Protein backbone atom coordinates (compact mmCIF):
# COMPACT_ATOMS: atom_id res chain seq x y z
CA MET A 1 -1.88 9.87 -5.38
CA PHE A 2 -1.81 5.88 -5.52
CA THR A 3 -4.13 4.36 -8.24
CA ALA A 4 -4.56 0.54 -8.42
CA VAL A 5 -1.75 -1.41 -10.85
CA PRO A 6 -3.58 -2.44 -14.55
CA ALA A 7 -4.16 -5.74 -14.38
CA ASP A 8 -2.41 -6.16 -17.83
CA VAL A 9 1.01 -4.84 -16.11
CA GLU A 10 3.41 -7.15 -16.13
CA PRO A 11 5.54 -8.59 -12.71
CA PRO A 12 8.76 -6.90 -11.50
CA PRO A 13 11.55 -8.38 -13.27
CA ALA A 14 13.48 -10.63 -11.24
CA ARG A 15 16.26 -8.40 -9.75
CA PRO A 16 19.75 -10.10 -8.73
CA ALA A 17 20.24 -10.93 -4.92
CA SER A 18 21.23 -8.84 -2.33
CA PRO A 19 25.16 -8.01 -1.34
CA ASP A 20 25.99 -10.49 1.22
CA THR A 21 25.75 -10.21 4.93
CA GLY A 22 29.25 -8.60 5.20
CA ALA A 23 28.50 -5.97 1.98
CA PHE A 24 25.40 -5.17 4.04
CA LEU A 25 26.98 -4.41 7.20
CA ALA A 26 29.72 -2.60 5.69
CA ARG A 27 27.35 0.06 4.26
CA LEU A 28 25.20 0.34 7.63
CA ASN A 29 27.84 0.10 9.59
CA THR A 30 28.22 3.89 10.39
CA GLU A 31 24.38 4.05 10.93
CA LEU A 32 24.14 1.34 13.32
CA LEU A 33 27.06 2.91 15.47
CA GLN A 34 24.96 6.07 16.27
CA ARG A 35 22.13 4.22 16.83
CA PRO A 36 22.80 1.21 19.46
CA GLY A 37 20.90 -0.33 21.79
CA ARG A 38 17.72 -1.83 20.36
CA LEU A 39 17.92 -1.02 16.97
CA ALA A 40 21.94 -2.76 16.33
CA LEU A 41 20.17 -5.84 18.67
CA ALA A 42 17.35 -6.35 16.18
CA PHE A 43 19.23 -6.03 13.08
CA LEU A 44 21.76 -8.62 14.64
CA ALA A 45 19.21 -10.91 15.63
CA THR A 46 17.67 -10.60 11.94
CA VAL A 47 21.29 -11.51 10.20
CA VAL A 48 22.79 -13.80 12.72
CA ALA A 49 19.62 -15.58 14.65
CA PRO A 50 16.41 -14.43 13.39
CA ALA A 51 14.86 -17.80 14.58
CA VAL A 52 16.37 -17.20 18.83
CA VAL A 53 15.30 -15.23 21.43
CA VAL A 54 18.08 -12.16 21.56
CA GLN A 55 18.70 -12.13 25.28
CA ALA A 56 20.36 -8.86 25.67
CA GLY A 57 17.66 -6.10 25.56
CA SER A 58 14.84 -9.08 25.73
CA ILE A 59 14.42 -8.84 21.96
CA ASP A 60 12.45 -11.75 20.46
CA ALA A 61 12.20 -12.46 16.64
CA GLN A 62 8.86 -12.29 15.91
CA PRO A 63 6.79 -13.98 13.34
CA ALA A 64 6.84 -11.63 9.85
CA ALA A 65 2.86 -11.48 10.57
CA ASP A 66 3.86 -9.20 13.81
CA VAL A 67 5.02 -6.39 12.13
CA ARG A 68 2.64 -3.68 13.30
CA THR A 69 0.53 -1.51 10.83
CA GLU A 70 -1.60 1.62 11.35
CA ASP A 71 -3.44 3.64 9.22
CA GLY A 72 -1.66 5.97 8.07
CA SER A 73 -1.91 10.49 7.81
CA ASP A 74 -3.21 12.02 4.82
CA GLY A 75 -2.25 15.72 4.02
CA SER A 76 1.19 16.78 2.06
CA VAL A 77 4.34 15.92 3.89
CA PRO A 78 7.81 17.63 3.31
CA ALA A 79 10.60 15.91 1.54
CA PRO A 80 12.59 13.86 4.15
CA ILE A 81 16.26 14.68 5.13
CA PRO A 82 18.66 11.78 4.16
CA GLY A 83 19.70 9.65 6.81
CA ASP A 84 16.98 11.09 9.60
CA ARG A 85 14.28 8.71 10.10
CA ALA A 86 12.34 10.58 11.91
CA THR A 87 11.42 12.95 8.66
CA TRP A 88 11.04 9.84 7.20
CA LEU A 89 8.32 8.28 9.31
CA PRO A 90 5.25 11.12 7.96
CA LEU A 91 6.31 10.10 4.42
CA ALA A 92 6.26 6.16 4.74
CA ARG A 93 2.86 6.53 6.87
CA GLN A 94 1.40 8.96 3.97
CA ALA A 95 2.19 5.89 1.56
CA ALA A 96 1.00 2.93 3.73
CA ALA A 97 -1.90 4.61 3.67
CA THR A 98 -2.92 4.37 0.02
CA CYS A 99 -2.81 0.45 0.40
CA PRO A 100 -4.25 -0.21 3.69
CA GLY A 101 -2.86 -2.80 5.58
CA LEU A 102 0.73 -2.06 4.48
CA SER A 103 3.22 -1.07 7.66
CA SER A 104 4.86 2.53 7.06
CA ALA A 105 7.64 0.59 9.25
CA VAL A 106 8.58 -1.92 6.33
CA LEU A 107 8.93 1.15 3.87
CA VAL A 108 11.28 2.51 6.36
CA ALA A 109 13.37 -0.23 6.48
CA ILE A 110 13.19 -0.61 2.63
CA GLY A 111 14.52 2.45 2.85
CA SER A 112 17.29 2.04 5.50
CA VAL A 113 18.51 -1.43 4.12
CA GLU A 114 18.57 -0.24 0.50
CA SER A 115 19.95 3.36 0.44
CA SER A 116 20.63 3.98 4.30
CA LEU A 117 17.12 6.47 4.14
CA GLY A 118 18.78 8.54 1.01
CA LEU A 119 22.28 8.95 2.07
CA GLN A 120 23.52 6.38 -0.79
CA THR A 121 21.15 6.61 -3.75
CA GLY A 122 23.54 5.90 -6.94
CA THR A 123 23.11 3.02 -9.61
CA SER A 124 24.43 -0.17 -7.69
CA SER A 125 25.61 -2.95 -9.32
CA ALA A 126 22.41 -4.35 -10.63
CA GLY A 127 21.42 -1.21 -11.73
CA ALA A 128 19.26 -0.17 -9.15
CA VAL A 129 18.54 3.36 -8.59
CA GLY A 130 17.40 6.01 -5.71
CA PRO A 131 16.46 6.46 -2.53
CA MET A 132 14.15 3.20 -2.74
CA GLN A 133 16.79 1.17 -5.25
CA PHE A 134 14.19 0.81 -8.34
CA LEU A 135 15.14 -0.66 -11.27
CA PRO A 136 14.25 1.77 -14.00
CA SER A 137 12.17 -0.75 -15.98
CA THR A 138 10.07 -1.65 -12.68
CA TRP A 139 9.89 1.53 -11.91
CA GLU A 140 8.20 2.17 -15.31
CA ALA A 141 4.94 -0.30 -13.51
CA TYR A 142 5.16 1.16 -10.67
CA GLY A 143 6.80 4.38 -10.07
CA ALA A 144 4.46 7.02 -8.25
CA ASP A 145 3.71 10.85 -8.26
CA GLY A 146 3.80 11.10 -4.51
CA ASP A 147 4.27 14.94 -4.21
CA GLY A 148 1.15 15.66 -6.76
CA ASP A 149 3.65 17.76 -8.91
CA GLY A 150 3.05 15.35 -11.87
CA VAL A 151 5.79 13.87 -12.50
CA SER A 152 6.87 10.53 -10.81
CA ASP A 153 10.69 10.46 -10.09
CA ILE A 154 12.84 7.76 -9.32
CA MET A 155 14.74 9.65 -7.66
CA ASN A 156 12.52 12.02 -5.40
CA PRO A 157 11.99 10.42 -2.02
CA ILE A 158 8.03 11.05 -2.25
CA ASP A 159 7.82 9.69 -5.40
CA ALA A 160 9.79 6.54 -4.34
CA VAL A 161 8.35 5.58 -0.85
CA HIS A 162 5.12 5.71 -2.19
CA GLY A 163 6.28 3.78 -5.71
CA ALA A 164 7.49 1.10 -2.78
CA ALA A 165 4.20 1.33 -1.53
CA ARG A 166 2.72 0.00 -4.88
CA LEU A 167 4.60 -2.29 -5.59
CA LEU A 168 3.96 -4.05 -2.35
CA CYS A 169 0.43 -3.69 -2.41
CA ALA A 170 0.43 -4.97 -5.99
CA ASN A 171 2.10 -7.89 -4.28
CA GLY A 172 0.10 -8.60 -1.01
CA GLY A 173 2.33 -6.21 0.99
CA ALA A 174 -0.82 -4.94 3.00
CA ASP A 175 -1.29 -8.81 4.10
CA PRO A 176 0.81 -9.14 7.15
CA HIS A 177 0.77 -13.13 5.83
CA GLN A 178 1.97 -12.49 2.29
CA LEU A 179 4.42 -10.12 3.75
CA HIS A 180 7.23 -12.10 3.31
CA SER A 181 6.22 -12.52 -0.62
CA ALA A 182 5.44 -9.30 -1.05
CA LEU A 183 9.22 -8.09 0.16
CA TRP A 184 10.98 -11.12 -2.03
CA ASN A 185 8.85 -9.54 -5.30
CA TYR A 186 10.59 -6.04 -4.26
CA ASN A 187 14.23 -7.38 -3.79
CA HIS A 188 14.55 -11.79 -4.78
CA SER A 189 16.50 -12.06 -2.02
CA ASP A 190 15.34 -14.38 1.48
CA ASP A 191 18.82 -12.42 3.63
CA TYR A 192 16.93 -9.12 2.35
CA VAL A 193 13.31 -9.82 3.53
CA ARG A 194 15.01 -11.17 6.53
CA GLN A 195 16.87 -8.10 6.97
CA VAL A 196 13.84 -5.55 6.34
CA ILE A 197 11.37 -7.08 8.50
CA GLY A 198 13.72 -7.54 11.20
CA LEU A 199 14.39 -4.11 11.21
CA ALA A 200 10.80 -2.95 10.78
CA ARG A 201 9.68 -4.62 13.93
CA PHE A 202 11.32 -2.10 15.98
CA ILE A 203 10.36 0.94 14.06
CA PRO A 204 7.82 2.81 15.75
CA VAL A 205 4.12 3.76 13.70
CA GLY A 206 1.59 6.30 14.79
CA THR A 207 4.57 8.55 16.12
């Protein structure tokens, strides 16, 4: 269950910038090839030219404030299947509901960029680990017990997504106008922020 972050909790330590675009493309190559069309175009619009309109498919690159939000849902959700976006959406909606205004699409996009939705959960070169790639020191401050089993597990996707919602919420992620800043605090890279927001615009919410 989500609880407010105590006032004396220090901000998360700076995390090294994400790998370059080439490394990111390589990591998600298989997933994107399996998801042609709008998602792939959205990704390319984000990486190559986020400020322009992509005519193929009529995809517009919108400001971060246009990322959609929803109320989320209550109740328990099953553990998501690694790599299966459909099973991550209910979890993301549940976690987003703990921070009214936060977009569940953003949580799914973070999971996609960080670990291809749980397919790559090993320790990164920066020391981040798990499906949402938390630094252990950051997890100590923002880790959550999303499944209510009494344990806050950095490797558990339910806990990790709830932890991501908690971190974003503490950094203003519920306000669309502060979303860029909240994501930058999650991972100190403007390229990373653009990648997440670009993917989030084309992830359905409320379904």
